[in-house]
Amino acid sequence: MWNRITSMIQNEIRNLFPAYFALVMATGIVSIACHLVALDFLAFPLFYLNQFFYIILWILTLARIVRYPARLFGDMSNHRIGSGFLTIVAATNVLGSQFVILQSNQTIALVLWVLGLALWLLLTYAIFTAFTVKEEKPSLEEGINGAWLLFIVSTQSIPVLGMLLFSRFEAWQEMFTFAMLGFYLLGCMFYILIISLIVYRFMFFKIEAEDMNPSYWINTGAVAITTLAGANILLRGHASFLAEFAPFIKGFTVFFWAAGTWWIPYLFILGAWRHFYKHYPLTYHPVYWGLVFPMGMYTVATFRLAEVLNMDFLLLIPQYFIYLALIAWTITFYGLISHLFTAFRKSLT
């Protein structure tokens, strides 16, 4: 029996989905959203659960690096799934944001932010280089999907947590704020480039039901975290030069929030087309955490945008949207537990 269980664990490690840290991203942001709308009885259990998820996923990832390095680096150079490794960056910074917002623990958050920044530098350049120098490349139709937008999510997660730690860099506030503004604008640039390719793929290539996977919900998640990054810069930045940039940042932030809002009904329509019209089976896959994260992030981003604009009517959105995020998290978590139970039961037979 133990041999079969060990074999199951090794199989899970070998085939660990590169974007599995989206579980931490989704759980973390839903936890923060719950806290903002005064649902702390859910926010804190999700916070503690998220720490467990983060540790377990790092153990599995490190084991994969040691035992199956060729498989891991092969995934990293794969156009369809390579960008999924960037969930490690975003997950690290989302967890760090939880430590600041829920526990006021800036020490652990700072360690996580430094780790997230180092991982961002390592992974963005490694993945971009791997995609660029690869001799055999897929067509645009086959190679691009919503996971590419993790370049934006990971980039914007740096200023999102960075501005929560602004007091730690007060002695260098001008330089630090300028750096966080640079990350924000870099993420904006990435979004404009990548979303153009995704829309081109939508409009001019045939879409099959299996193609329209939940990774495309990052179309919303990427602009939602961009909105949050801009809002955090405006709410917490005190550099003298920021006053000149404030109208531009505010307008750009509203622009991205509006884009994210537009995507939501469209993605629901495409999901209905996939499952009800095309009868594609609804079965658990870790990519579904990429659907939960945008719902939680849109809730948090709208809440912060309402603070920046002093528009209380916007708070109506997070007050109700949080329940969609919680429903999505609960269903996906149930799918995860069912998947693990099924895998364990099979290992015993």
Protein backbone atom coordinates (compact mmCIF):
# COMPACT_ATOMS: atom_id res chain seq x y z
CA MET A 1 0.00 0.00 0.00
CA TRP A 2 2.75 2.46 0.96
CA ASN A 3 4.51 1.80 -2.34
CA ARG A 4 1.35 2.75 -4.21
CA ILE A 5 0.88 5.91 -2.13
CA THR A 6 4.53 6.86 -2.68
CA SER A 7 4.09 6.27 -6.39
CA MET A 8 1.01 8.52 -6.39
CA ILE A 9 2.90 11.33 -4.63
CA GLN A 10 5.82 11.03 -7.04
CA ASN A 11 3.41 11.17 -9.96
CA GLU A 12 1.79 14.33 -8.56
CA ILE A 13 5.21 15.92 -8.12
CA ARG A 14 6.37 14.97 -11.61
CA ASN A 15 3.19 16.33 -13.21
CA LEU A 16 2.67 19.31 -10.90
CA PHE A 17 0.82 21.96 -12.89
CA PRO A 18 3.10 25.01 -13.32
CA ALA A 19 0.31 27.43 -12.40
CA TYR A 20 -0.76 25.63 -9.22
CA PHE A 21 0.27 28.60 -7.07
CA ALA A 22 -2.91 30.21 -8.42
CA LEU A 23 -4.50 28.33 -5.51
CA VAL A 24 -2.60 30.66 -3.14
CA MET A 25 -3.40 33.70 -5.28
CA ALA A 26 -7.12 32.91 -5.27
CA THR A 27 -7.37 32.00 -1.58
CA GLY A 28 -5.34 35.02 -0.54
CA ILE A 29 -7.25 37.62 -2.49
CA VAL A 30 -10.64 36.19 -1.49
CA SER A 31 -9.46 36.37 2.13
CA ILE A 32 -8.50 40.04 1.71
CA ALA A 33 -11.80 40.76 -0.03
CA CYS A 34 -13.70 39.18 2.87
CA HIS A 35 -11.79 41.37 5.33
CA LEU A 36 -12.61 44.55 3.39
CA VAL A 37 -16.35 43.80 3.41
CA ALA A 38 -16.32 42.89 7.12
CA LEU A 39 -16.43 39.09 6.78
CA ASP A 40 -13.48 38.43 9.07
CA PHE A 41 -14.95 35.12 10.23
CA LEU A 42 -14.03 33.91 6.73
CA ALA A 43 -11.00 36.12 6.08
CA PHE A 44 -8.80 34.73 8.86
CA PRO A 45 -9.46 31.00 8.34
CA LEU A 46 -8.65 31.51 4.65
CA PHE A 47 -5.48 33.35 5.68
CA TYR A 48 -4.26 30.44 7.82
CA LEU A 49 -5.29 27.91 5.19
CA ASN A 50 -3.38 29.90 2.58
CA GLN A 51 -0.16 29.68 4.57
CA PHE A 52 -0.56 25.90 4.56
CA PHE A 53 -1.16 25.88 0.78
CA TYR A 54 1.91 28.05 0.18
CA ILE A 55 4.23 25.81 2.19
CA ILE A 56 2.91 22.59 0.63
CA LEU A 57 3.22 23.95 -2.91
CA TRP A 58 6.80 25.08 -2.25
CA ILE A 59 7.68 21.61 -0.91
CA LEU A 60 6.22 20.00 -4.03
CA THR A 61 7.95 22.53 -6.31
CA LEU A 62 11.36 22.08 -4.68
CA ALA A 63 10.94 18.31 -4.84
CA ARG A 64 10.15 18.65 -8.55
CA ILE A 65 13.26 20.79 -9.12
CA VAL A 66 15.42 18.15 -7.43
CA ARG A 67 13.83 15.01 -8.86
CA TYR A 68 12.50 16.08 -12.25
CA PRO A 69 14.50 19.13 -13.40
CA ALA A 70 14.24 18.23 -17.10
CA ARG A 71 10.45 18.01 -16.87
CA LEU A 72 10.27 21.34 -15.02
CA PHE A 73 12.50 23.23 -17.48
CA GLY A 74 10.62 21.64 -20.37
CA ASP A 75 7.39 23.07 -18.96
CA MET A 76 9.02 26.48 -18.50
CA SER A 77 9.87 26.70 -22.22
CA ASN A 78 6.41 25.51 -23.26
CA HIS A 79 4.44 28.40 -24.78
CA ARG A 80 1.11 27.09 -23.48
CA ILE A 81 2.02 26.51 -19.83
CA GLY A 82 5.40 28.17 -19.21
CA SER A 83 3.95 31.47 -18.04
CA GLY A 84 2.12 29.53 -15.31
CA PHE A 85 5.32 29.59 -13.23
CA LEU A 86 4.69 33.30 -12.69
CA THR A 87 1.89 32.36 -10.29
CA ILE A 88 4.70 31.76 -7.78
CA VAL A 89 5.53 35.49 -7.89
CA ALA A 90 1.94 36.67 -7.57
CA ALA A 91 1.14 34.12 -4.85
CA THR A 92 4.14 35.25 -2.80
CA ASN A 93 3.05 38.88 -2.97
CA VAL A 94 -0.63 38.14 -2.33
CA LEU A 95 0.32 36.18 0.79
CA GLY A 96 2.55 39.08 1.83
CA SER A 97 -0.41 41.45 1.39
CA GLN A 98 -2.44 39.22 3.70
CA PHE A 99 0.23 39.50 6.39
CA VAL A 100 0.09 43.32 6.17
CA ILE A 101 -3.68 43.75 5.91
CA LEU A 102 -4.84 41.01 8.28
CA GLN A 103 -1.98 40.84 10.80
CA SER A 104 -0.10 44.15 10.39
CA ASN A 105 3.02 42.00 10.12
CA GLN A 106 5.33 43.97 7.87
CA THR A 107 8.41 41.91 8.73
CA ILE A 108 7.19 38.68 7.13
CA ALA A 109 5.55 40.68 4.34
CA LEU A 110 8.87 42.39 3.55
CA VAL A 111 10.64 39.01 3.32
CA LEU A 112 7.93 37.78 0.97
CA TRP A 113 8.12 40.97 -1.13
CA VAL A 114 11.90 40.60 -1.54
CA LEU A 115 11.41 36.94 -2.47
CA GLY A 116 8.66 37.90 -4.91
CA LEU A 117 10.85 40.54 -6.52
CA ALA A 118 13.76 38.09 -6.89
CA LEU A 119 11.46 35.44 -8.37
CA TRP A 120 9.99 38.02 -10.76
CA LEU A 121 13.45 38.95 -12.04
CA LEU A 122 14.44 35.30 -12.42
CA LEU A 123 11.25 33.97 -14.00
CA THR A 124 10.23 36.79 -16.33
CA TYR A 125 13.63 36.92 -17.99
CA ALA A 126 13.99 33.12 -18.01
CA ILE A 127 10.57 32.57 -19.61
CA PHE A 128 10.89 35.42 -22.11
CA THR A 129 14.34 34.17 -23.12
CA ALA A 130 13.16 30.55 -23.39
CA PHE A 131 10.24 31.56 -25.61
CA THR A 132 12.48 33.75 -27.76
CA VAL A 133 15.39 31.41 -28.44
CA LYS A 134 13.33 28.23 -28.77
CA GLU A 135 13.94 26.81 -32.24
CA GLU A 136 10.56 25.14 -32.72
CA LYS A 137 7.70 27.45 -31.85
CA PRO A 138 3.93 26.96 -32.05
CA SER A 139 1.66 29.17 -34.11
CA LEU A 140 -0.13 32.06 -32.38
CA GLU A 141 -3.33 30.01 -32.45
CA GLU A 142 -1.72 27.13 -30.57
CA GLY A 143 0.73 28.99 -28.37
CA ILE A 144 -1.14 31.82 -26.69
CA ASN A 145 -3.81 31.66 -24.00
CA GLY A 146 -4.98 33.62 -20.99
CA ALA A 147 -2.08 32.38 -18.86
CA TRP A 148 0.20 34.76 -20.75
CA LEU A 149 -1.47 37.56 -18.81
CA LEU A 150 0.34 36.28 -15.73
CA PHE A 151 3.20 38.46 -16.95
CA ILE A 152 0.95 41.39 -15.98
CA VAL A 153 -0.37 39.85 -12.77
CA SER A 154 3.11 39.02 -11.47
CA THR A 155 4.46 42.45 -12.42
CA GLN A 156 1.62 44.37 -10.78
CA SER A 157 1.84 42.26 -7.63
CA ILE A 158 5.20 43.97 -6.93
CA PRO A 159 3.76 47.51 -6.47
CA VAL A 160 0.58 46.15 -4.85
CA LEU A 161 2.56 44.75 -1.91
CA GLY A 162 5.38 47.27 -2.23
CA MET A 163 3.09 50.22 -1.53
CA LEU A 164 1.67 48.42 1.53
CA LEU A 165 5.26 48.39 2.81
CA PHE A 166 5.90 52.04 1.93
CA SER A 167 6.74 52.99 5.53
CA ARG A 168 9.70 50.58 5.43
CA PHE A 169 11.21 52.62 2.58
CA GLU A 170 10.32 56.09 3.80
CA ALA A 171 13.98 57.16 3.84
CA TRP A 172 14.05 56.47 0.10
CA GLN A 173 10.44 57.41 -0.64
CA GLU A 174 11.14 59.26 -3.89
CA MET A 175 13.21 56.46 -5.38
CA PHE A 176 10.95 53.69 -4.07
CA THR A 177 7.73 55.33 -5.27
CA PHE A 178 9.28 55.94 -8.69
CA ALA A 179 10.29 52.26 -8.88
CA MET A 180 6.77 51.11 -7.97
CA LEU A 181 5.33 53.49 -10.56
CA GLY A 182 7.72 51.95 -13.09
CA PHE A 183 6.46 48.44 -12.31
CA TYR A 184 2.87 49.67 -12.61
CA LEU A 185 3.50 51.18 -16.05
CA LEU A 186 5.49 48.13 -17.18
CA GLY A 187 2.50 45.95 -16.29
CA CYS A 188 0.24 48.29 -18.27
CA MET A 189 2.53 47.94 -21.28
CA PHE A 190 2.53 44.14 -21.01
CA TYR A 191 -1.29 44.10 -20.87
CA ILE A 192 -1.75 46.22 -23.97
CA LEU A 193 0.64 44.00 -25.94
CA ILE A 194 -0.63 40.61 -24.79
CA ILE A 195 -4.36 41.34 -24.74
CA SER A 196 -4.07 42.51 -28.35
CA LEU A 197 -2.73 39.09 -29.33
CA ILE A 198 -5.44 37.32 -27.33
CA VAL A 199 -8.26 39.33 -28.91
CA TYR A 200 -6.71 38.71 -32.34
CA ARG A 201 -6.72 34.99 -31.55
CA PHE A 202 -10.39 35.21 -30.44
CA MET A 203 -11.57 37.05 -33.52
CA PHE A 204 -9.61 35.42 -36.35
CA PHE A 205 -8.99 31.79 -35.36
CA LYS A 206 -11.45 29.01 -34.68
CA ILE A 207 -12.20 28.54 -30.99
CA GLU A 208 -12.97 25.04 -29.72
CA ALA A 209 -14.65 24.37 -26.38
CA GLU A 210 -11.44 22.95 -24.92
CA ASP A 211 -9.57 26.11 -25.95
CA MET A 212 -11.84 28.37 -23.91
CA ASN A 213 -10.46 27.28 -20.56
CA PRO A 214 -10.73 29.37 -17.36
CA SER A 215 -7.25 30.85 -17.88
CA TYR A 216 -8.96 33.50 -19.99
CA TRP A 217 -10.54 34.89 -16.83
CA ILE A 218 -7.11 36.41 -16.26
CA ASN A 219 -8.27 38.88 -18.93
CA THR A 220 -10.15 40.40 -16.00
CA GLY A 221 -7.68 39.48 -13.28
CA ALA A 222 -4.80 41.27 -15.01
CA VAL A 223 -6.64 44.60 -15.28
CA ALA A 224 -8.13 44.22 -11.81
CA ILE A 225 -4.69 43.89 -10.20
CA THR A 226 -3.51 46.79 -12.39
CA THR A 227 -6.36 48.84 -10.92
CA LEU A 228 -5.31 47.81 -7.41
CA ALA A 229 -1.67 48.70 -8.07
CA GLY A 230 -2.63 52.16 -9.32
CA ALA A 231 -4.98 52.69 -6.37
CA ASN A 232 -2.31 51.64 -3.85
CA ILE A 233 0.20 54.06 -5.38
CA LEU A 234 -2.32 56.90 -5.13
CA LEU A 235 -3.45 55.98 -1.61
CA ARG A 236 -0.03 55.39 -0.05
CA GLY A 237 2.55 57.22 -2.17
CA HIS A 238 3.85 60.50 -0.71
CA ALA A 239 6.69 61.37 -3.07
CA SER A 240 6.73 65.00 -4.18
CA PHE A 241 6.70 64.18 -7.89
CA LEU A 242 3.58 62.01 -7.52
CA ALA A 243 1.26 65.05 -7.53
CA GLU A 244 2.14 65.68 -11.18
CA PHE A 245 1.50 62.04 -12.11
CA ALA A 246 -1.67 61.64 -10.02
CA PRO A 247 -4.23 62.71 -12.68
CA PHE A 248 -2.61 60.41 -15.24
CA ILE A 249 -2.44 57.44 -12.83
CA LYS A 250 -6.03 58.02 -11.72
CA GLY A 251 -7.32 58.14 -15.30
CA PHE A 252 -5.28 55.11 -16.35
CA THR A 253 -6.47 53.18 -13.29
CA VAL A 254 -10.14 53.89 -14.08
CA PHE A 255 -9.44 52.91 -17.69
CA PHE A 256 -8.20 49.47 -16.64
CA TRP A 257 -11.05 49.02 -14.14
CA ALA A 258 -13.54 49.71 -16.94
CA ALA A 259 -11.79 47.17 -19.16
CA GLY A 260 -11.96 44.55 -16.43
CA THR A 261 -15.64 45.28 -15.86
CA TRP A 262 -16.39 44.81 -19.57
CA TRP A 263 -14.67 41.43 -19.66
CA ILE A 264 -16.77 39.87 -16.89
CA PRO A 265 -20.14 39.43 -18.72
CA TYR A 266 -18.32 38.37 -21.90
CA LEU A 267 -16.39 35.66 -20.06
CA PHE A 268 -19.58 34.40 -18.42
CA ILE A 269 -21.15 34.17 -21.89
CA LEU A 270 -18.18 32.22 -23.23
CA GLY A 271 -18.30 29.92 -20.22
CA ALA A 272 -21.99 29.23 -20.85
CA TRP A 273 -21.21 28.57 -24.53
CA ARG A 274 -18.47 26.12 -23.51
CA HIS A 275 -20.42 24.11 -20.96
CA PHE A 276 -24.10 24.43 -21.94
CA TYR A 277 -23.97 24.77 -25.71
CA LYS A 278 -20.85 22.70 -26.44
CA HIS A 279 -21.50 20.36 -23.46
CA TYR A 280 -17.87 20.45 -22.37
CA PRO A 281 -17.65 18.56 -19.04
CA LEU A 282 -17.11 20.63 -15.91
CA THR A 283 -14.34 18.71 -14.13
CA TYR A 284 -11.70 19.93 -11.72
CA HIS A 285 -8.43 21.24 -13.06
CA PRO A 286 -6.02 23.61 -11.24
CA VAL A 287 -6.59 26.14 -14.03
CA TYR A 288 -9.95 26.90 -12.39
CA TRP A 289 -8.13 28.77 -9.64
CA GLY A 290 -7.37 31.22 -12.44
CA LEU A 291 -11.11 31.91 -12.51
CA VAL A 292 -11.44 32.42 -8.76
CA PHE A 293 -8.55 34.88 -8.49
CA PRO A 294 -10.01 37.51 -10.88
CA MET A 295 -13.32 37.50 -8.99
CA GLY A 296 -11.58 38.16 -5.69
CA MET A 297 -9.19 40.68 -7.23
CA TYR A 298 -12.01 42.60 -8.93
CA THR A 299 -13.73 42.85 -5.54
CA VAL A 300 -10.64 44.22 -3.81
CA ALA A 301 -9.67 46.52 -6.70
CA THR A 302 -13.15 48.08 -6.86
CA PHE A 303 -13.10 48.67 -3.10
CA ARG A 304 -9.76 50.49 -3.31
CA LEU A 305 -10.81 52.43 -6.41
CA ALA A 306 -13.87 53.70 -4.51
CA GLU A 307 -11.48 54.97 -1.81
CA VAL A 308 -9.26 56.74 -4.33
CA LEU A 309 -12.16 58.40 -6.15
CA ASN A 310 -14.25 59.06 -3.01
CA MET A 311 -17.18 57.40 -4.79
CA ASP A 312 -19.11 55.42 -2.19
CA PHE A 313 -21.59 54.13 -4.76
CA LEU A 314 -18.82 51.92 -6.16
CA LEU A 315 -18.78 50.06 -2.84
CA LEU A 316 -22.04 48.40 -3.84
CA ILE A 317 -20.06 46.21 -6.26
CA PRO A 318 -17.70 44.54 -3.74
CA GLN A 319 -20.55 44.15 -1.23
CA TYR A 320 -22.24 41.74 -3.63
CA PHE A 321 -19.42 40.52 -5.88
CA ILE A 322 -17.66 38.97 -2.89
CA TYR A 323 -20.34 36.28 -2.82
CA LEU A 324 -19.59 35.27 -6.41
CA ALA A 325 -15.93 35.00 -5.45
CA LEU A 326 -16.77 32.89 -2.39
CA ILE A 327 -19.05 30.58 -4.38
CA ALA A 328 -16.36 30.12 -7.03
CA TRP A 329 -13.70 29.44 -4.36
CA THR A 330 -15.92 26.92 -2.55
CA ILE A 331 -16.80 24.98 -5.71
CA THR A 332 -13.17 24.88 -6.86
CA PHE A 333 -11.93 23.86 -3.42
CA TYR A 334 -14.48 21.05 -3.39
CA GLY A 335 -13.12 19.99 -6.79
CA LEU A 336 -9.58 19.96 -5.38
CA ILE A 337 -10.56 17.81 -2.40
CA SER A 338 -12.49 15.42 -4.67
CA HIS A 339 -9.50 15.18 -7.02
CA LEU A 340 -7.10 14.37 -4.18
CA PHE A 341 -9.50 11.83 -2.68
CA THR A 342 -9.97 10.12 -6.05
CA ALA A 343 -6.21 10.00 -6.65
CA PHE A 344 -5.64 8.55 -3.16
CA ARG A 345 -8.39 5.93 -3.61
CA LYS A 346 -6.93 4.86 -6.96
CA SER A 347 -3.51 4.44 -5.36
CA LEU A 348 -5.02 1.92 -2.96
CA THR A 349 -6.62 -0.25 -5.65
